[in-house]
């Protein structure tokens, strides 16, 4: 059931884009301005597997601050650069991240709690 909901919320051919720089991250969809969060405002980061595959799992990244939330898939244009920055954030837990890659159910797992 979640897979069908996911396809509606995050279609594979989405026009969304992730933009990250030294200040923060933003996600826009279909040419509309989207949500932005400064790196130092992030309070929680979660990942959730969307495909049960040990070869190349697709992930949904969920980032929260006290007043905003954004999400994007690992296949969204710009995601690779953003994820590289996420790996270097204080509080990022690589053990929890690798655990999230192994989980075979679609549920978010917190991998970084900062504030």
PDB file of N, CA and C in Angstrom:
ATOM      1  N   UNK A   1       0.820  -1.192   0.000  1.00  0.00           N
ATOM      2  CA  UNK A   1       0.000   0.000   0.000  1.00  0.00           C
ATOM      3  C   UNK A   1       0.869   1.264   0.000  1.00  0.00           C
ATOM      4  N   UNK A   2       1.898   1.297   0.869  1.00  0.00           N
ATOM      5  CA  UNK A   2       2.739   2.484   0.915  1.00  0.00           C
ATOM      6  C   UNK A   2       3.383   2.739  -0.433  1.00  0.00           C
ATOM      7  N   UNK A   3       3.741   1.693  -1.164  1.00  0.00           N
ATOM      8  CA  UNK A   3       4.367   1.864  -2.466  1.00  0.00           C
ATOM      9  C   UNK A   3       3.501   2.670  -3.416  1.00  0.00           C
ATOM     10  N   UNK A   4       2.198   2.433  -3.414  1.00  0.00           N
ATOM     11  CA  UNK A   4       1.281   3.189  -4.276  1.00  0.00           C
ATOM     12  C   UNK A   4       1.204   4.646  -3.831  1.00  0.00           C
ATOM     13  N   UNK A   5       1.154   4.864  -2.526  1.00  0.00           N
ATOM     14  CA  UNK A   5       1.124   6.233  -2.009  1.00  0.00           C
ATOM     15  C   UNK A   5       2.421   6.939  -2.383  1.00  0.00           C
ATOM     16  N   UNK A   6       3.542   6.242  -2.235  1.00  0.00           N
ATOM     17  CA  UNK A   6       4.835   6.821  -2.579  1.00  0.00           C
ATOM     18  C   UNK A   6       4.879   7.231  -4.038  1.00  0.00           C
ATOM     19  N   UNK A   7       4.364   6.398  -4.945  1.00  0.00           N
ATOM     20  CA  UNK A   7       4.375   6.721  -6.371  1.00  0.00           C
ATOM     21  C   UNK A   7       3.558   7.965  -6.668  1.00  0.00           C
ATOM     22  N   UNK A   8       2.504   8.181  -5.918  1.00  0.00           N
ATOM     23  CA  UNK A   8       1.688   9.379  -6.106  1.00  0.00           C
ATOM     24  C   UNK A   8       2.451  10.611  -5.608  1.00  0.00           C
ATOM     25  N   UNK A   9       3.090  10.490  -4.424  1.00  0.00           N
ATOM     26  CA  UNK A   9       3.795  11.622  -3.842  1.00  0.00           C
ATOM     27  C   UNK A   9       5.126  11.917  -4.526  1.00  0.00           C
ATOM     28  N   UNK A  10       5.815  10.882  -4.982  1.00  0.00           N
ATOM     29  CA  UNK A  10       7.143  11.031  -5.574  1.00  0.00           C
ATOM     30  C   UNK A  10       7.209  10.286  -6.902  1.00  0.00           C
ATOM     31  N   UNK A  11       6.547  10.776  -7.946  1.00  0.00           N
ATOM     32  CA  UNK A  11       6.599  10.080  -9.225  1.00  0.00           C
ATOM     33  C   UNK A  11       8.011  10.039  -9.775  1.00  0.00           C
ATOM     34  N   UNK A  12       8.343   8.940 -10.451  1.00  0.00           N
ATOM     35  CA  UNK A  12       9.710   8.745 -10.960  1.00  0.00           C
ATOM     36  C   UNK A  12      10.103   9.829 -11.951  1.00  0.00           C
ATOM     37  N   UNK A  13       9.149  10.384 -12.683  1.00  0.00           N
ATOM     38  CA  UNK A  13       9.481  11.390 -13.683  1.00  0.00           C
ATOM     39  C   UNK A  13       9.256  12.814 -13.163  1.00  0.00           C
ATOM     40  N   UNK A  14       9.330  12.986 -11.863  1.00  0.00           N
ATOM     41  CA  UNK A  14       9.119  14.294 -11.250  1.00  0.00           C
ATOM     42  C   UNK A  14      10.144  15.303 -11.745  1.00  0.00           C
ATOM     43  N   UNK A  15       9.728  16.562 -11.852  1.00  0.00           N
ATOM     44  CA  UNK A  15      10.621  17.635 -12.266  1.00  0.00           C
ATOM     45  C   UNK A  15      11.356  18.253 -11.085  1.00  0.00           C
ATOM     46  N   UNK A  16      11.264  17.657  -9.920  1.00  0.00           N
ATOM     47  CA  UNK A  16      11.870  18.221  -8.720  1.00  0.00           C
ATOM     48  C   UNK A  16      13.372  18.336  -8.825  1.00  0.00           C
ATOM     49  N   UNK A  17      13.912  19.278  -8.067  1.00  0.00           N
ATOM     50  CA  UNK A  17      15.348  19.515  -8.044  1.00  0.00           C
ATOM     51  C   UNK A  17      15.780  19.816  -6.617  1.00  0.00           C
ATOM     52  N   UNK A  18      16.921  19.271  -6.231  1.00  0.00           N
ATOM     53  CA  UNK A  18      17.527  19.567  -4.940  1.00  0.00           C
ATOM     54  C   UNK A  18      18.687  20.523  -5.191  1.00  0.00           C
ATOM     55  N   UNK A  19      18.722  21.605  -4.436  1.00  0.00           N
ATOM     56  CA  UNK A  19      19.819  22.559  -4.540  1.00  0.00           C
ATOM     57  C   UNK A  19      20.456  22.666  -3.163  1.00  0.00           C
ATOM     58  N   UNK A  20      21.768  22.454  -3.117  1.00  0.00           N
ATOM     59  CA  UNK A  20      22.481  22.585  -1.845  1.00  0.00           C
ATOM     60  C   UNK A  20      23.727  23.422  -2.064  1.00  0.00           C
ATOM     61  N   UNK A  21      24.043  24.215  -1.054  1.00  0.00           N
ATOM     62  CA  UNK A  21      25.260  25.022  -1.085  1.00  0.00           C
ATOM     63  C   UNK A  21      25.780  25.123   0.344  1.00  0.00           C
ATOM     64  N   UNK A  22      26.723  25.980   0.567  1.00  0.00           N
ATOM     65  CA  UNK A  22      27.326  26.111   1.896  1.00  0.00           C
ATOM     66  C   UNK A  22      26.319  26.563   2.957  1.00  0.00           C
ATOM     67  N   UNK A  23      25.260  27.249   2.540  1.00  0.00           N
ATOM     68  CA  UNK A  23      24.274  27.782   3.482  1.00  0.00           C
ATOM     69  C   UNK A  23      23.187  26.783   3.866  1.00  0.00           C
ATOM     70  N   UNK A  24      22.731  25.961   2.894  1.00  0.00           N
ATOM     71  CA  UNK A  24      21.631  25.067   3.199  1.00  0.00           C
ATOM     72  C   UNK A  24      21.171  24.265   2.005  1.00  0.00           C
ATOM     73  N   UNK A  25      19.946  23.790   2.078  1.00  0.00           N
ATOM     74  CA  UNK A  25      19.372  22.907   1.080  1.00  0.00           C
ATOM     75  C   UNK A  25      17.951  23.359   0.772  1.00  0.00           C
ATOM     76  N   UNK A  26      17.551  23.204  -0.490  1.00  0.00           N
ATOM     77  CA  UNK A  26      16.167  23.491  -0.871  1.00  0.00           C
ATOM     78  C   UNK A  26      15.725  22.453  -1.886  1.00  0.00           C
ATOM     79  N   UNK A  27      14.419  22.237  -1.915  1.00  0.00           N
ATOM     80  CA  UNK A  27      13.821  21.309  -2.867  1.00  0.00           C
ATOM     81  C   UNK A  27      12.663  22.018  -3.532  1.00  0.00           C
ATOM     82  N   UNK A  28      12.677  22.011  -4.861  1.00  0.00           N
ATOM     83  CA  UNK A  28      11.571  22.599  -5.606  1.00  0.00           C
ATOM     84  C   UNK A  28      10.980  21.518  -6.498  1.00  0.00           C
ATOM     85  N   UNK A  29       9.746  21.719  -6.907  1.00  0.00           N
ATOM     86  CA  UNK A  29       9.072  20.735  -7.759  1.00  0.00           C
ATOM     87  C   UNK A  29       8.384  21.451  -8.907  1.00  0.00           C
ATOM     88  N   UNK A  30       8.579  20.920 -10.096  1.00  0.00           N
ATOM     89  CA  UNK A  30       7.902  21.406 -11.303  1.00  0.00           C
ATOM     90  C   UNK A  30       7.992  22.914 -11.466  1.00  0.00           C
ATOM     91  N   UNK A  31       9.180  23.470 -11.258  1.00  0.00           N
ATOM     92  CA  UNK A  31       9.391  24.887 -11.470  1.00  0.00           C
ATOM     93  C   UNK A  31       8.865  25.799 -10.380  1.00  0.00           C
ATOM     94  N   UNK A  32       8.270  25.252  -9.338  1.00  0.00           N
ATOM     95  CA  UNK A  32       7.756  26.070  -8.231  1.00  0.00           C
ATOM     96  C   UNK A  32       8.837  26.186  -7.167  1.00  0.00           C
ATOM     97  N   UNK A  33       8.906  27.347  -6.533  1.00  0.00           N
ATOM     98  CA  UNK A  33       9.870  27.476  -5.449  1.00  0.00           C
ATOM     99  C   UNK A  33       9.459  26.542  -4.327  1.00  0.00           C
ATOM    100  N   UNK A  34      10.432  26.008  -3.663  1.00  0.00           N
ATOM    101  CA  UNK A  34      10.139  25.001  -2.658  1.00  0.00           C
ATOM    102  C   UNK A  34      10.589  25.396  -1.278  1.00  0.00           C
ATOM    103  N   UNK A  35      10.728  24.385  -0.456  1.00  0.00           N
ATOM    104  CA  UNK A  35      11.115  24.564   0.933  1.00  0.00           C
ATOM    105  C   UNK A  35      12.634  24.632   1.024  1.00  0.00           C
ATOM    106  N   UNK A  36      13.146  25.517   1.869  1.00  0.00           N
ATOM    107  CA  UNK A  36      14.583  25.641   2.100  1.00  0.00           C
ATOM    108  C   UNK A  36      14.859  25.544   3.594  1.00  0.00           C
ATOM    109  N   UNK A  37      15.978  24.905   3.933  1.00  0.00           N
ATOM    110  CA  UNK A  37      16.411  24.788   5.326  1.00  0.00           C
ATOM    111  C   UNK A  37      17.908  25.061   5.369  1.00  0.00           C
ATOM    112  N   UNK A  38      18.322  25.913   6.292  1.00  0.00           N
ATOM    113  CA  UNK A  38      19.750  26.155   6.506  1.00  0.00           C
ATOM    114  C   UNK A  38      20.354  24.933   7.191  1.00  0.00           C
ATOM    115  N   UNK A  39      21.596  24.611   6.840  1.00  0.00           N
ATOM    116  CA  UNK A  39      22.245  23.439   7.438  1.00  0.00           C
ATOM    117  C   UNK A  39      22.258  23.533   8.958  1.00  0.00           C
ATOM    118  N   UNK A  40      22.525  24.703   9.499  1.00  0.00           N
ATOM    119  CA  UNK A  40      22.607  24.822  10.952  1.00  0.00           C
ATOM    120  C   UNK A  40      21.245  24.851  11.643  1.00  0.00           C
ATOM    121  N   UNK A  41      20.152  24.813  10.863  1.00  0.00           N
ATOM    122  CA  UNK A  41      18.813  24.774  11.437  1.00  0.00           C
ATOM    123  C   UNK A  41      18.228  23.358  11.468  1.00  0.00           C
ATOM    124  N   UNK A  42      18.903  22.406  10.832  1.00  0.00           N
ATOM    125  CA  UNK A  42      18.379  21.031  10.770  1.00  0.00           C
ATOM    126  C   UNK A  42      18.397  20.406  12.157  1.00  0.00           C
ATOM    127  N   UNK A  43      17.268  19.800  12.525  1.00  0.00           N
ATOM    128  CA  UNK A  43      17.143  19.147  13.819  1.00  0.00           C
ATOM    129  C   UNK A  43      17.057  17.629  13.712  1.00  0.00           C
ATOM    130  N   UNK A  44      16.652  17.122  12.559  1.00  0.00           N
ATOM    131  CA  UNK A  44      16.492  15.674  12.397  1.00  0.00           C
ATOM    132  C   UNK A  44      16.606  15.322  10.920  1.00  0.00           C
ATOM    133  N   UNK A  45      17.255  14.215  10.648  1.00  0.00           N
ATOM    134  CA  UNK A  45      17.328  13.681   9.290  1.00  0.00           C
ATOM    135  C   UNK A  45      16.926  12.223   9.356  1.00  0.00           C
ATOM    136  N   UNK A  46      16.012  11.839   8.470  1.00  0.00           N
ATOM    137  CA  UNK A  46      15.572  10.456   8.385  1.00  0.00           C
ATOM    138  C   UNK A  46      15.742   9.955   6.958  1.00  0.00           C
ATOM    139  N   UNK A  47      15.943   8.660   6.826  1.00  0.00           N
ATOM    140  CA  UNK A  47      15.936   8.032   5.514  1.00  0.00           C
ATOM    141  C   UNK A  47      14.954   6.880   5.556  1.00  0.00           C
ATOM    142  N   UNK A  48      14.410   6.588   4.381  1.00  0.00           N
ATOM    143  CA  UNK A  48      13.454   5.495   4.262  1.00  0.00           C
ATOM    144  C   UNK A  48      13.685   4.806   2.920  1.00  0.00           C
ATOM    145  N   UNK A  49      13.821   3.507   2.946  1.00  0.00           N
ATOM    146  CA  UNK A  49      13.974   2.745   1.705  1.00  0.00           C
ATOM    147  C   UNK A  49      12.655   2.721   0.957  1.00  0.00           C
ATOM    148  N   UNK A  50      12.746   2.785  -0.358  1.00  0.00           N
ATOM    149  CA  UNK A  50      11.531   2.719  -1.174  1.00  0.00           C
ATOM    150  C   UNK A  50      11.509   1.493  -2.061  1.00  0.00           C
ATOM    151  N   UNK A  51      12.622   0.787  -2.140  1.00  0.00           N
ATOM    152  CA  UNK A  51      12.685  -0.432  -2.946  1.00  0.00           C
ATOM    153  C   UNK A  51      13.398  -1.500  -2.128  1.00  0.00           C
ATOM    154  N   UNK A  52      12.872  -2.696  -2.167  1.00  0.00           N
ATOM    155  CA  UNK A  52      13.516  -3.781  -1.446  1.00  0.00           C
ATOM    156  C   UNK A  52      14.500  -4.432  -2.398  1.00  0.00           C
ATOM    157  N   UNK A  53      15.692  -3.881  -2.403  1.00  0.00           N
ATOM    158  CA  UNK A  53      16.763  -4.366  -3.257  1.00  0.00           C
ATOM    159  C   UNK A  53      18.069  -4.181  -2.511  1.00  0.00           C
ATOM    160  N   UNK A  54      18.848  -5.219  -2.422  1.00  0.00           N
ATOM    161  CA  UNK A  54      20.132  -5.087  -1.744  1.00  0.00           C
ATOM    162  C   UNK A  54      21.182  -4.509  -2.675  1.00  0.00           C
ATOM    163  N   UNK A  55      20.923  -4.513  -3.989  1.00  0.00           N
ATOM    164  CA  UNK A  55      21.900  -4.008  -4.940  1.00  0.00           C
ATOM    165  C   UNK A  55      21.943  -2.485  -4.973  1.00  0.00           C
ATOM    166  N   UNK A  56      20.799  -1.842  -5.081  1.00  0.00           N
ATOM    167  CA  UNK A  56      20.772  -0.387  -5.195  1.00  0.00           C
ATOM    168  C   UNK A  56      19.446   0.138  -4.657  1.00  0.00           C
ATOM    169  N   UNK A  57      19.355   0.291  -3.330  1.00  0.00           N
ATOM    170  CA  UNK A  57      18.087   0.768  -2.774  1.00  0.00           C
ATOM    171  C   UNK A  57      17.858   2.238  -3.100  1.00  0.00           C
ATOM    172  N   UNK A  58      16.612   2.566  -3.326  1.00  0.00           N
ATOM    173  CA  UNK A  58      16.233   3.960  -3.497  1.00  0.00           C
ATOM    174  C   UNK A  58      15.810   4.475  -2.128  1.00  0.00           C
ATOM    175  N   UNK A  59      16.222   5.679  -1.814  1.00  0.00           N
ATOM    176  CA  UNK A  59      15.926   6.237  -0.501  1.00  0.00           C
ATOM    177  C   UNK A  59      15.131   7.526  -0.624  1.00  0.00           C
ATOM    178  N   UNK A  60      14.309   7.772   0.373  1.00  0.00           N
ATOM    179  CA  UNK A  60      13.695   9.078   0.559  1.00  0.00           C
ATOM    180  C   UNK A  60      14.424   9.710   1.731  1.00  0.00           C
ATOM    181  N   UNK A  61      14.937  10.907   1.528  1.00  0.00           N
ATOM    182  CA  UNK A  61      15.602  11.681   2.567  1.00  0.00           C
ATOM    183  C   UNK A  61      14.592  12.679   3.112  1.00  0.00           C
ATOM    184  N   UNK A  62      14.452  12.753   4.433  1.00  0.00           N
ATOM    185  CA  UNK A  62      13.512  13.662   5.094  1.00  0.00           C
ATOM    186  C   UNK A  62      14.328  14.508   6.059  1.00  0.00           C
ATOM    187  N   UNK A  63      14.344  15.816   5.830  1.00  0.00           N
ATOM    188  CA  UNK A  63      15.096  16.743   6.681  1.00  0.00           C
ATOM    189  C   UNK A  63      14.108  17.675   7.371  1.00  0.00           C
ATOM    190  N   UNK A  64      14.336  17.903   8.670  1.00  0.00           N
ATOM    191  CA  UNK A  64      13.441  18.762   9.447  1.00  0.00           C
ATOM    192  C   UNK A  64      14.233  19.828  10.199  1.00  0.00           C
ATOM    193  N   UNK A  65      13.583  20.966  10.332  1.00  0.00           N
ATOM    194  CA  UNK A  65      14.052  22.014  11.240  1.00  0.00           C
ATOM    195  C   UNK A  65      12.881  22.290  12.176  1.00  0.00           C
ATOM    196  N   UNK A  66      13.017  23.288  13.030  1.00  0.00           N
ATOM    197  CA  UNK A  66      11.909  23.589  13.943  1.00  0.00           C
ATOM    198  C   UNK A  66      10.678  24.107  13.206  1.00  0.00           C
ATOM    199  N   UNK A  67      10.869  24.694  12.025  1.00  0.00           N
ATOM    200  CA  UNK A  67       9.720  25.277  11.330  1.00  0.00           C
ATOM    201  C   UNK A  67       9.545  24.822   9.882  1.00  0.00           C
ATOM    202  N   UNK A  68      10.292  23.816   9.448  1.00  0.00           N
ATOM    203  CA  UNK A  68      10.154  23.362   8.054  1.00  0.00           C
ATOM    204  C   UNK A  68      10.505  21.888   7.935  1.00  0.00           C
ATOM    205  N   UNK A  69      10.053  21.305   6.854  1.00  0.00           N
ATOM    206  CA  UNK A  69      10.381  19.921   6.522  1.00  0.00           C
ATOM    207  C   UNK A  69      10.465  19.825   5.014  1.00  0.00           C
ATOM    208  N   UNK A  70      11.457  19.071   4.532  1.00  0.00           N
ATOM    209  CA  UNK A  70      11.543  18.812   3.103  1.00  0.00           C
ATOM    210  C   UNK A  70      11.954  17.367   2.894  1.00  0.00           C
ATOM    211  N   UNK A  71      11.660  16.863   1.710  1.00  0.00           N
ATOM    212  CA  UNK A  71      12.043  15.490   1.389  1.00  0.00           C
ATOM    213  C   UNK A  71      12.374  15.394  -0.089  1.00  0.00           C
ATOM    214  N   UNK A  72      13.202  14.402  -0.412  1.00  0.00           N
ATOM    215  CA  UNK A  72      13.572  14.139  -1.795  1.00  0.00           C
ATOM    216  C   UNK A  72      14.055  12.708  -1.896  1.00  0.00           C
ATOM    217  N   UNK A  73      14.010  12.162  -3.085  1.00  0.00           N
ATOM    218  CA  UNK A  73      14.501  10.800  -3.289  1.00  0.00           C
ATOM    219  C   UNK A  73      15.965  10.833  -3.686  1.00  0.00           C
ATOM    220  N   UNK A  74      16.595   9.708  -3.580  1.00  0.00           N
ATOM    221  CA  UNK A  74      18.003   9.616  -3.961  1.00  0.00           C
ATOM    222  C   UNK A  74      18.197   9.789  -5.460  1.00  0.00           C
ATOM    223  N   UNK A  75      17.110   9.732  -6.224  1.00  0.00           N
ATOM    224  CA  UNK A  75      17.188   9.881  -7.681  1.00  0.00           C
ATOM    225  C   UNK A  75      16.803  11.277  -8.165  1.00  0.00           C
ATOM    226  N   UNK A  76      16.455  12.170  -7.251  1.00  0.00           N
ATOM    227  CA  UNK A  76      16.099  13.536  -7.622  1.00  0.00           C
ATOM    228  C   UNK A  76      17.348  14.271  -8.112  1.00  0.00           C
ATOM    229  N   UNK A  77      17.254  14.996  -9.214  1.00  0.00           N
ATOM    230  CA  UNK A  77      18.420  15.770  -9.663  1.00  0.00           C
ATOM    231  C   UNK A  77      18.949  16.672  -8.553  1.00  0.00           C
ATOM    232  N   UNK A  78      20.251  16.635  -8.340  1.00  0.00           N
ATOM    233  CA  UNK A  78      20.891  17.418  -7.295  1.00  0.00           C
ATOM    234  C   UNK A  78      21.028  16.691  -5.970  1.00  0.00           C
ATOM    235  N   UNK A  79      20.401  15.528  -5.842  1.00  0.00           N
ATOM    236  CA  UNK A  79      20.426  14.799  -4.570  1.00  0.00           C
ATOM    237  C   UNK A  79      21.833  14.351  -4.188  1.00  0.00           C
ATOM    238  N   UNK A  80      22.615  13.934  -5.148  1.00  0.00           N
ATOM    239  CA  UNK A  80      23.947  13.409  -4.841  1.00  0.00           C
ATOM    240  C   UNK A  80      24.810  14.441  -4.111  1.00  0.00           C
ATOM    241  N   UNK A  81      24.818  15.671  -4.585  1.00  0.00           N
ATOM    242  CA  UNK A  81      25.592  16.713  -3.926  1.00  0.00           C
ATOM    243  C   UNK A  81      25.078  17.021  -2.532  1.00  0.00           C
ATOM    244  N   UNK A  82      23.756  17.021  -2.367  1.00  0.00           N
ATOM    245  CA  UNK A  82      23.164  17.294  -1.055  1.00  0.00           C
ATOM    246  C   UNK A  82      23.517  16.191  -0.069  1.00  0.00           C
ATOM    247  N   UNK A  83      23.448  14.952  -0.533  1.00  0.00           N
ATOM    248  CA  UNK A  83      23.744  13.827   0.348  1.00  0.00           C
ATOM    249  C   UNK A  83      25.204  13.871   0.800  1.00  0.00           C
ATOM    250  N   UNK A  84      26.106  14.269  -0.068  1.00  0.00           N
ATOM    251  CA  UNK A  84      27.517  14.401   0.329  1.00  0.00           C
ATOM    252  C   UNK A  84      27.659  15.411   1.454  1.00  0.00           C
ATOM    253  N   UNK A  85      26.907  16.493   1.391  1.00  0.00           N
ATOM    254  CA  UNK A  85      26.948  17.488   2.474  1.00  0.00           C
ATOM    255  C   UNK A  85      26.325  16.922   3.752  1.00  0.00           C
ATOM    256  N   UNK A  86      25.243  16.159   3.608  1.00  0.00           N
ATOM    257  CA  UNK A  86      24.572  15.562   4.776  1.00  0.00           C
ATOM    258  C   UNK A  86      25.535  14.647   5.525  1.00  0.00           C
ATOM    259  N   UNK A  87      26.324  13.846   4.801  1.00  0.00           N
ATOM    260  CA  UNK A  87      27.285  12.940   5.433  1.00  0.00           C
ATOM    261  C   UNK A  87      28.230  13.675   6.372  1.00  0.00           C
ATOM    262  N   UNK A  88      28.512  14.937   6.101  1.00  0.00           N
ATOM    263  CA  UNK A  88      29.479  15.698   6.888  1.00  0.00           C
ATOM    264  C   UNK A  88      28.853  16.551   7.987  1.00  0.00           C
ATOM    265  N   UNK A  89      27.540  16.466   8.155  1.00  0.00           N
ATOM    266  CA  UNK A  89      26.895  17.254   9.209  1.00  0.00           C
ATOM    267  C   UNK A  89      27.229  16.686  10.585  1.00  0.00           C
ATOM    268  N   UNK A  90      27.350  17.553  11.591  1.00  0.00           N
ATOM    269  CA  UNK A  90      27.564  17.057  12.954  1.00  0.00           C
ATOM    270  C   UNK A  90      26.349  16.238  13.388  1.00  0.00           C
ATOM    271  N   UNK A  91      26.601  15.121  14.001  1.00  0.00           N
ATOM    272  CA  UNK A  91      25.502  14.268  14.456  1.00  0.00           C
ATOM    273  C   UNK A  91      25.095  13.200  13.474  1.00  0.00           C
ATOM    274  N   UNK A  92      25.642  13.228  12.236  1.00  0.00           N
ATOM    275  CA  UNK A  92      25.316  12.181  11.264  1.00  0.00           C
ATOM    276  C   UNK A  92      25.875  10.864  11.776  1.00  0.00           C
ATOM    277  N   UNK A  93      25.032   9.840  11.828  1.00  0.00           N
ATOM    278  CA  UNK A  93      25.427   8.537  12.360  1.00  0.00           C
ATOM    279  C   UNK A  93      25.510   7.535  11.217  1.00  0.00           C
ATOM    280  N   UNK A  94      26.718   7.224  10.783  1.00  0.00           N
ATOM    281  CA  UNK A  94      26.885   6.323   9.636  1.00  0.00           C
ATOM    282  C   UNK A  94      26.401   4.915   9.945  1.00  0.00           C
ATOM    283  N   UNK A  95      26.495   4.467  11.203  1.00  0.00           N
ATOM    284  CA  UNK A  95      25.978   3.135  11.549  1.00  0.00           C
ATOM    285  C   UNK A  95      24.468   3.076  11.344  1.00  0.00           C
ATOM    286  N   UNK A  96      23.752   4.092  11.810  1.00  0.00           N
ATOM    287  CA  UNK A  96      22.298   4.117  11.614  1.00  0.00           C
ATOM    288  C   UNK A  96      21.946   4.227  10.134  1.00  0.00           C
ATOM    289  N   UNK A  97      22.739   4.987   9.389  1.00  0.00           N
ATOM    290  CA  UNK A  97      22.506   5.108   7.954  1.00  0.00           C
ATOM    291  C   UNK A  97      22.620   3.744   7.269  1.00  0.00           C
ATOM    292  N   UNK A  98      23.692   3.021   7.550  1.00  0.00           N
ATOM    293  CA  UNK A  98      23.860   1.702   6.928  1.00  0.00           C
ATOM    294  C   UNK A  98      22.792   0.728   7.402  1.00  0.00           C
ATOM    295  N   UNK A  99      22.357   0.864   8.645  1.00  0.00           N
ATOM    296  CA  UNK A  99      21.240   0.043   9.132  1.00  0.00           C
ATOM    297  C   UNK A  99      19.977   0.337   8.331  1.00  0.00           C
ATOM    298  N   UNK A 100      19.727   1.613   8.061  1.00  0.00           N
ATOM    299  CA  UNK A 100      18.541   2.002   7.287  1.00  0.00           C
ATOM    300  C   UNK A 100      18.573   1.388   5.885  1.00  0.00           C
ATOM    301  N   UNK A 101      19.760   1.245   5.318  1.00  0.00           N
ATOM    302  CA  UNK A 101      19.871   0.625   3.991  1.00  0.00           C
ATOM    303  C   UNK A 101      19.500  -0.848   4.017  1.00  0.00           C
ATOM    304  N   UNK A 102      19.666  -1.487   5.167  1.00  0.00           N
ATOM    305  CA  UNK A 102      19.390  -2.914   5.288  1.00  0.00           C
ATOM    306  C   UNK A 102      17.949  -3.224   5.665  1.00  0.00           C
ATOM    307  N   UNK A 103      17.230  -2.258   6.211  1.00  0.00           N
ATOM    308  CA  UNK A 103      15.853  -2.485   6.656  1.00  0.00           C
ATOM    309  C   UNK A 103      14.978  -2.794   5.453  1.00  0.00           C
ATOM    310  N   UNK A 104      14.163  -3.817   5.567  1.00  0.00           N
ATOM    311  CA  UNK A 104      13.348  -4.252   4.435  1.00  0.00           C
ATOM    312  C   UNK A 104      11.885  -3.825   4.564  1.00  0.00           C
ATOM    313  N   UNK A 105      11.642  -2.747   5.257  1.00  0.00           N
ATOM    314  CA  UNK A 105      10.281  -2.218   5.339  1.00  0.00           C
ATOM    315  C   UNK A 105      10.353  -0.707   5.141  1.00  0.00           C
ATOM    316  N   UNK A 106       9.287  -0.163   4.654  1.00  0.00           N
ATOM    317  CA  UNK A 106       9.258   1.269   4.344  1.00  0.00           C
ATOM    318  C   UNK A 106       8.823   2.051   5.571  1.00  0.00           C
ATOM    319  N   UNK A 107       9.809   2.420   6.369  1.00  0.00           N
ATOM    320  CA  UNK A 107       9.531   3.301   7.501  1.00  0.00           C
ATOM    321  C   UNK A 107      10.748   4.182   7.735  1.00  0.00           C
ATOM    322  N   UNK A 108      10.522   5.450   8.038  1.00  0.00           N
ATOM    323  CA  UNK A 108      11.645   6.364   8.238  1.00  0.00           C
ATOM    324  C   UNK A 108      12.484   5.984   9.457  1.00  0.00           C
ATOM    325  N   UNK A 109      13.793   6.114   9.321  1.00  0.00           N
ATOM    326  CA  UNK A 109      14.722   5.853  10.416  1.00  0.00           C
ATOM    327  C   UNK A 109      15.578   7.103  10.603  1.00  0.00           C
ATOM    328  N   UNK A 110      15.607   7.624  11.835  1.00  0.00           N
ATOM    329  CA  UNK A 110      16.434   8.804  12.124  1.00  0.00           C
ATOM    330  C   UNK A 110      17.898   8.411  12.083  1.00  0.00           C
ATOM    331  N   UNK A 111      18.675   9.192  11.330  1.00  0.00           N
ATOM    332  CA  UNK A 111      20.102   8.919  11.209  1.00  0.00           C
ATOM    333  C   UNK A 111      20.941  10.092  11.705  1.00  0.00           C
ATOM    334  N   UNK A 112      20.288  11.168  12.101  1.00  0.00           N
ATOM    335  CA  UNK A 112      21.021  12.352  12.542  1.00  0.00           C
ATOM    336  C   UNK A 112      20.089  13.220  13.369  1.00  0.00           C
ATOM    337  N   UNK A 113      20.380  13.354  14.650  1.00  0.00           N
ATOM    338  CA  UNK A 113      19.618  14.265  15.491  1.00  0.00           C
ATOM    339  C   UNK A 113      20.582  15.301  16.028  1.00  0.00           C
ATOM    340  N   UNK A 114      20.251  16.542  15.756  1.00  0.00           N
ATOM    341  CA  UNK A 114      21.196  17.589  16.077  1.00  0.00           C
ATOM    342  C   UNK A 114      20.725  18.449  17.249  1.00  0.00           C
ATOM    343  N   UNK A 115      19.499  18.912  17.229  1.00  0.00           N
ATOM    344  CA  UNK A 115      18.996  19.795  18.299  1.00  0.00           C
ATOM    345  C   UNK A 115      17.660  19.307  18.767  1.00  0.00           C
TER     346      UNK A 115
END
